[in-house]
N, C-alpha and C. Protein backbone atom coordinates (compact mmCIF):
# COMPACT_ATOMS: atom_id res chain seq x y z
N MET A 1 -0.86 -35.81 -17.63
CA MET A 1 -0.45 -34.81 -16.79
C MET A 1 -1.51 -34.50 -15.73
N VAL A 2 -0.81 -34.50 -14.53
CA VAL A 2 -1.57 -34.33 -13.24
C VAL A 2 -2.21 -32.78 -13.15
N GLU A 3 -3.46 -32.60 -12.81
CA GLU A 3 -3.97 -31.20 -12.92
C GLU A 3 -3.29 -30.40 -11.79
N GLY A 4 -2.88 -29.12 -12.17
CA GLY A 4 -1.94 -28.25 -11.52
C GLY A 4 -0.55 -28.37 -11.73
N SER A 5 0.06 -29.54 -12.61
CA SER A 5 1.15 -29.67 -12.96
C SER A 5 1.89 -28.44 -13.95
N ALA A 6 0.93 -27.93 -14.65
CA ALA A 6 1.35 -26.81 -15.52
C ALA A 6 1.92 -25.54 -14.59
N THR A 7 1.41 -25.45 -13.42
CA THR A 7 1.66 -24.36 -12.45
C THR A 7 2.81 -24.90 -11.57
N CYS A 8 2.59 -26.03 -11.00
CA CYS A 8 3.38 -26.47 -9.95
C CYS A 8 4.59 -27.38 -10.31
N GLY A 9 4.39 -28.00 -11.39
CA GLY A 9 5.61 -28.95 -11.73
C GLY A 9 5.10 -30.33 -11.71
N GLU A 10 5.88 -31.25 -12.22
CA GLU A 10 5.61 -32.59 -12.30
C GLU A 10 5.69 -33.44 -10.96
N LEU A 11 4.81 -34.40 -10.80
CA LEU A 11 4.86 -35.22 -9.42
C LEU A 11 5.62 -36.54 -9.95
N PRO A 12 5.88 -37.24 -8.79
CA PRO A 12 6.28 -38.64 -8.94
C PRO A 12 5.74 -39.46 -10.01
N ASN A 13 4.32 -39.53 -9.80
CA ASN A 13 3.60 -40.36 -10.92
C ASN A 13 2.15 -39.67 -10.85
N SER A 14 1.38 -40.29 -11.82
CA SER A 14 0.07 -39.69 -12.09
C SER A 14 -1.03 -40.10 -10.82
N LYS A 15 -0.57 -40.97 -9.86
CA LYS A 15 -1.45 -41.22 -8.67
C LYS A 15 -1.45 -40.07 -7.56
N TRP A 16 -0.31 -39.34 -7.77
CA TRP A 16 -0.18 -38.18 -6.94
C TRP A 16 -1.14 -36.98 -7.34
N SER A 17 -1.47 -35.92 -6.53
CA SER A 17 -2.29 -34.86 -6.99
C SER A 17 -1.68 -33.49 -6.17
N TRP A 18 -2.10 -32.49 -6.77
CA TRP A 18 -1.58 -31.26 -6.19
C TRP A 18 -2.91 -30.39 -5.52
N ALA A 19 -2.69 -29.88 -4.38
CA ALA A 19 -3.63 -29.03 -3.71
C ALA A 19 -3.03 -27.63 -3.99
N VAL A 20 -3.68 -26.94 -4.72
CA VAL A 20 -3.13 -25.53 -5.12
C VAL A 20 -3.99 -24.41 -4.50
N SER A 21 -3.27 -23.46 -3.86
CA SER A 21 -4.13 -22.38 -3.25
C SER A 21 -3.12 -21.09 -3.61
N TYR A 22 -4.00 -19.88 -3.41
CA TYR A 22 -3.46 -18.73 -3.91
C TYR A 22 -3.59 -17.74 -2.73
N ASP A 23 -2.47 -16.98 -2.38
CA ASP A 23 -2.51 -16.10 -1.36
C ASP A 23 -2.28 -14.87 -1.75
N THR A 24 -2.96 -13.68 -1.68
CA THR A 24 -2.76 -12.46 -2.07
C THR A 24 -2.31 -11.55 -0.95
N VAL A 25 -1.01 -10.94 -1.12
CA VAL A 25 -0.46 -10.20 -0.13
C VAL A 25 -0.38 -8.71 -0.66
N THR A 26 -0.89 -7.83 0.22
CA THR A 26 -1.07 -6.33 -0.13
C THR A 26 -0.17 -5.41 0.81
N ILE A 27 0.64 -4.84 0.33
CA ILE A 27 1.53 -3.93 1.17
C ILE A 27 1.31 -2.47 0.61
N GLY A 28 1.56 -1.46 1.42
CA GLY A 28 1.63 -0.03 1.04
C GLY A 28 0.23 0.44 1.41
N GLY A 29 0.06 1.63 0.74
CA GLY A 29 -1.07 2.42 0.91
C GLY A 29 -1.22 3.14 2.18
N ASP A 30 -0.13 3.22 3.03
CA ASP A 30 -0.22 3.97 4.34
C ASP A 30 -0.54 5.50 4.11
N THR A 31 -1.31 6.13 4.81
CA THR A 31 -1.53 7.49 4.84
C THR A 31 -0.76 8.31 5.90
N SER A 32 -0.24 9.34 5.50
CA SER A 32 0.46 10.21 6.57
C SER A 32 0.08 11.62 6.21
N THR A 33 0.00 12.47 7.29
CA THR A 33 -0.45 13.68 7.22
C THR A 33 0.56 14.83 8.02
N SER A 34 0.90 15.81 7.36
CA SER A 34 1.65 16.71 8.15
C SER A 34 1.28 18.16 7.85
N THR A 35 1.45 19.03 8.87
CA THR A 35 1.09 20.42 8.76
C THR A 35 2.16 21.49 8.96
N TYR A 36 2.29 22.43 8.50
CA TYR A 36 3.25 23.60 8.78
C TYR A 36 2.42 24.92 8.44
N ASP A 37 3.00 25.92 9.30
CA ASP A 37 2.26 27.26 9.24
C ASP A 37 3.33 28.23 8.65
N GLU A 38 2.91 29.28 8.01
CA GLU A 38 3.53 30.31 7.32
C GLU A 38 3.04 31.58 7.62
N LEU A 39 3.67 32.45 8.38
CA LEU A 39 3.30 33.78 8.78
C LEU A 39 3.90 34.90 7.71
N ARG A 40 2.95 35.41 7.08
CA ARG A 40 3.30 36.57 6.17
C ARG A 40 2.58 37.87 6.59
N THR A 41 3.41 39.02 6.23
CA THR A 41 2.62 40.32 6.46
C THR A 41 2.56 41.15 5.12
N ALA A 42 1.55 41.78 5.08
CA ALA A 42 1.23 42.61 3.88
C ALA A 42 0.65 43.98 4.61
N GLY A 43 1.52 45.01 4.49
CA GLY A 43 1.27 46.34 5.10
C GLY A 43 1.38 46.10 6.52
N ARG A 44 0.15 46.42 7.08
CA ARG A 44 -0.17 46.29 8.54
C ARG A 44 -0.95 44.98 8.98
N ASN A 45 -1.22 44.39 7.95
CA ASN A 45 -2.03 43.02 8.23
C ASN A 45 -1.04 41.72 8.34
N GLN A 46 -1.44 40.89 9.09
CA GLN A 46 -0.72 39.60 9.20
C GLN A 46 -1.64 38.57 8.79
N PHE A 47 -0.97 37.60 7.96
CA PHE A 47 -1.75 36.34 7.47
C PHE A 47 -1.14 35.17 7.98
N LEU A 48 -1.78 34.31 8.73
CA LEU A 48 -1.25 32.78 8.97
C LEU A 48 -1.95 31.92 8.03
N ASP A 49 -1.02 31.36 7.29
CA ASP A 49 -1.47 30.19 6.16
C ASP A 49 -1.21 29.01 6.89
N THR A 50 -2.03 27.97 7.07
CA THR A 50 -1.60 26.66 7.50
C THR A 50 -1.85 25.71 6.36
N TYR A 51 -0.90 25.04 6.12
CA TYR A 51 -0.92 23.86 5.07
C TYR A 51 -0.94 22.62 5.57
N THR A 52 -1.70 21.89 5.13
CA THR A 52 -2.02 20.48 5.48
C THR A 52 -1.66 19.65 4.16
N VAL A 53 -0.69 18.60 4.37
CA VAL A 53 -0.10 17.89 3.36
C VAL A 53 -0.59 16.31 3.59
N THR A 54 -1.19 15.83 2.71
CA THR A 54 -1.67 14.32 3.02
C THR A 54 -0.96 13.58 1.81
N THR A 55 -0.53 12.44 2.21
CA THR A 55 0.40 11.70 1.13
C THR A 55 -0.14 10.06 1.38
N ILE A 56 -0.42 9.66 0.36
CA ILE A 56 -0.84 8.18 0.32
C ILE A 56 0.24 7.27 -0.37
N GLU A 57 0.85 6.45 0.28
CA GLU A 57 1.85 5.72 -0.50
C GLU A 57 1.42 4.73 -1.60
N PRO A 58 2.24 4.35 -2.45
CA PRO A 58 1.75 3.41 -3.43
C PRO A 58 1.24 1.94 -2.81
N THR A 59 0.32 1.49 -3.34
CA THR A 59 -0.05 0.04 -2.91
C THR A 59 0.42 -1.00 -3.92
N TYR A 60 1.00 -2.01 -3.44
CA TYR A 60 1.55 -3.18 -4.26
C TYR A 60 0.71 -4.32 -3.94
N GLU A 61 0.64 -5.34 -4.88
CA GLU A 61 -0.01 -6.70 -4.59
C GLU A 61 0.81 -7.82 -5.16
N GLN A 62 0.94 -8.78 -4.46
CA GLN A 62 1.48 -9.96 -4.93
C GLN A 62 0.72 -11.16 -4.58
N VAL A 63 0.58 -12.00 -5.80
CA VAL A 63 -0.30 -13.18 -5.53
C VAL A 63 0.69 -14.33 -5.56
N ASN A 64 0.87 -15.14 -4.46
CA ASN A 64 1.73 -16.37 -4.14
C ASN A 64 0.96 -17.59 -4.42
N ILE A 65 1.51 -18.65 -5.03
CA ILE A 65 0.80 -19.81 -5.29
C ILE A 65 1.42 -20.98 -4.52
N THR A 66 0.70 -21.57 -3.39
CA THR A 66 1.18 -22.74 -2.74
C THR A 66 0.70 -23.97 -3.38
N CYS A 67 1.69 -24.70 -3.67
CA CYS A 67 1.68 -26.18 -4.36
C CYS A 67 1.92 -27.29 -3.23
N THR A 68 0.72 -27.71 -2.88
CA THR A 68 1.03 -28.84 -1.84
C THR A 68 0.72 -30.39 -2.53
N ALA A 69 1.77 -31.09 -2.49
CA ALA A 69 1.83 -32.47 -3.12
C ALA A 69 1.23 -33.15 -2.08
N LEU A 70 0.22 -34.12 -2.71
CA LEU A 70 -0.48 -35.10 -1.98
C LEU A 70 -0.06 -36.47 -2.64
N ASN A 71 0.25 -37.45 -1.85
CA ASN A 71 0.68 -38.67 -2.27
C ASN A 71 -0.46 -39.61 -2.44
N PRO A 72 -0.39 -40.81 -3.12
CA PRO A 72 -1.77 -41.38 -3.45
C PRO A 72 -2.54 -41.85 -2.15
N GLN A 73 -1.98 -41.70 -0.92
CA GLN A 73 -2.89 -42.01 0.21
C GLN A 73 -3.44 -40.64 0.68
N GLY A 74 -3.26 -39.64 0.09
CA GLY A 74 -3.79 -38.24 0.28
C GLY A 74 -3.11 -37.46 1.26
N LYS A 75 -1.82 -38.00 1.73
CA LYS A 75 -1.18 -37.36 2.84
C LYS A 75 -0.04 -36.35 2.07
N ILE A 76 0.10 -35.26 2.83
CA ILE A 76 0.83 -34.16 2.31
C ILE A 76 2.35 -34.55 2.29
N ASN A 77 2.98 -34.34 1.22
CA ASN A 77 4.43 -34.74 1.04
C ASN A 77 5.24 -33.36 0.91
N LEU A 78 5.87 -32.88 1.97
CA LEU A 78 6.50 -31.69 1.84
C LEU A 78 7.90 -31.67 0.85
N ASP A 79 8.34 -32.73 0.58
CA ASP A 79 9.56 -32.80 -0.33
C ASP A 79 9.16 -32.41 -1.58
N HIS A 80 7.96 -32.54 -1.96
CA HIS A 80 7.49 -32.23 -3.49
C HIS A 80 6.61 -30.93 -3.26
N SER A 81 6.39 -30.31 -2.25
CA SER A 81 5.42 -29.13 -2.25
C SER A 81 6.40 -27.93 -2.42
N THR A 82 5.79 -26.98 -2.72
CA THR A 82 6.57 -25.58 -3.02
C THR A 82 5.74 -24.46 -2.93
N THR A 83 6.36 -23.44 -2.99
CA THR A 83 5.57 -22.12 -2.99
C THR A 83 5.98 -21.29 -4.03
N ILE A 84 5.34 -20.75 -4.89
CA ILE A 84 5.85 -19.91 -6.00
C ILE A 84 5.45 -18.44 -5.78
N LEU A 85 6.44 -17.68 -5.66
CA LEU A 85 6.13 -16.22 -5.26
C LEU A 85 5.79 -15.45 -6.49
N GLY A 86 4.72 -14.75 -6.56
CA GLY A 86 4.37 -13.90 -7.65
C GLY A 86 5.13 -12.69 -7.75
N GLU A 87 4.92 -11.95 -8.87
CA GLU A 87 5.60 -10.66 -9.02
C GLU A 87 4.83 -9.62 -8.30
N MET A 88 5.49 -8.64 -7.80
CA MET A 88 5.05 -7.48 -6.96
C MET A 88 4.51 -6.54 -8.11
N THR A 89 3.23 -6.26 -8.17
CA THR A 89 2.57 -5.31 -9.02
C THR A 89 1.85 -4.20 -8.27
N MET A 90 2.26 -2.93 -8.77
CA MET A 90 1.51 -1.73 -8.44
C MET A 90 -0.09 -1.77 -8.69
N ILE A 91 -0.95 -1.67 -7.68
CA ILE A 91 -2.34 -1.52 -8.06
C ILE A 91 -2.87 -0.13 -7.81
N ASP A 92 -2.04 0.81 -7.07
CA ASP A 92 -2.50 2.16 -6.83
C ASP A 92 -1.09 2.89 -6.62
N PRO A 93 -1.04 3.98 -7.46
CA PRO A 93 0.06 4.69 -7.60
C PRO A 93 0.38 5.57 -6.34
N GLY A 94 -0.73 5.76 -5.42
CA GLY A 94 -0.76 6.68 -4.35
C GLY A 94 -1.04 8.07 -4.82
N SER A 95 -0.90 8.90 -3.96
CA SER A 95 -1.13 10.35 -4.27
C SER A 95 -0.64 11.35 -3.06
N SER A 96 -0.65 12.62 -3.49
CA SER A 96 -0.16 13.66 -2.38
C SER A 96 -1.01 14.86 -2.60
N SER A 97 -1.48 15.38 -1.55
CA SER A 97 -2.31 16.60 -1.88
C SER A 97 -2.03 17.66 -0.82
N GLU A 98 -2.14 18.79 -1.15
CA GLU A 98 -1.91 19.99 0.05
C GLU A 98 -3.12 20.97 -0.14
N GLU A 99 -3.61 21.13 1.16
CA GLU A 99 -4.63 22.24 1.44
C GLU A 99 -4.29 23.36 2.38
N LYS A 100 -4.60 24.40 1.87
CA LYS A 100 -4.44 25.64 2.52
C LYS A 100 -5.45 26.48 3.20
N THR A 101 -5.16 26.80 4.56
CA THR A 101 -6.22 27.53 5.18
C THR A 101 -5.54 28.85 5.71
N SER A 102 -6.29 30.00 5.68
CA SER A 102 -5.82 31.30 5.97
C SER A 102 -6.59 31.89 6.89
N GLN A 103 -5.73 32.57 7.88
CA GLN A 103 -6.36 33.25 8.92
C GLN A 103 -5.79 34.70 8.69
N VAL A 104 -6.68 35.69 8.79
CA VAL A 104 -6.19 37.00 8.61
C VAL A 104 -6.30 37.88 9.91
N LYS A 105 -5.38 38.60 10.21
CA LYS A 105 -5.56 39.52 11.51
C LYS A 105 -5.42 40.79 10.85
N VAL A 106 -6.42 41.67 10.87
CA VAL A 106 -6.29 42.92 10.22
C VAL A 106 -5.76 43.98 11.40
N CYS A 107 -4.78 44.83 11.07
CA CYS A 107 -4.17 45.58 12.04
C CYS A 107 -4.36 46.98 11.56
N GLY A 108 -4.42 47.96 12.35
CA GLY A 108 -4.37 49.38 11.83
C GLY A 108 -4.77 50.39 12.98
N PRO A 109 -5.11 51.60 12.56
CA PRO A 109 -5.55 52.54 13.65
C PRO A 109 -6.73 52.13 14.35
N ASN A 110 -6.94 52.25 15.65
CA ASN A 110 -7.99 51.88 16.33
C ASN A 110 -8.34 50.43 16.55
N LEU A 111 -7.47 49.62 16.21
CA LEU A 111 -7.44 48.30 16.09
C LEU A 111 -6.30 47.50 17.02
N GLU A 112 -6.49 46.45 17.49
CA GLU A 112 -5.24 45.62 18.27
C GLU A 112 -4.04 45.73 17.23
N PRO A 113 -2.97 46.08 17.87
CA PRO A 113 -1.67 45.89 17.28
C PRO A 113 -1.44 44.44 16.91
N CYS A 114 -0.81 44.33 15.58
CA CYS A 114 -0.49 42.94 15.33
C CYS A 114 0.81 42.74 16.03
N SER A 115 0.99 41.72 16.76
CA SER A 115 2.22 41.15 17.42
C SER A 115 2.34 39.76 17.29
């Protein structure tokens, strides 16, 4: 059996050979950030809460195998060459986090009115 045949398949005869390469494709992992404000009042005081939400998408990886058939003269033969697509595997589940910051405006007698 020609080296690489277990992965790539059989060749026309034992004088042929395989050039095997591996290509790793990574997708996902993008980060997005959004913010929103929430104004609340307690008595005469106002609170401005700002929320920042950061989301990181899951990351996936796929390892593809390229099997290039070489004839006895060492020339590439595309008729026997092939690419085997690997399975998409999650390597990072991603995450989401929220951060809250608050600003307080104190209102009352002898102070600026809350408006």
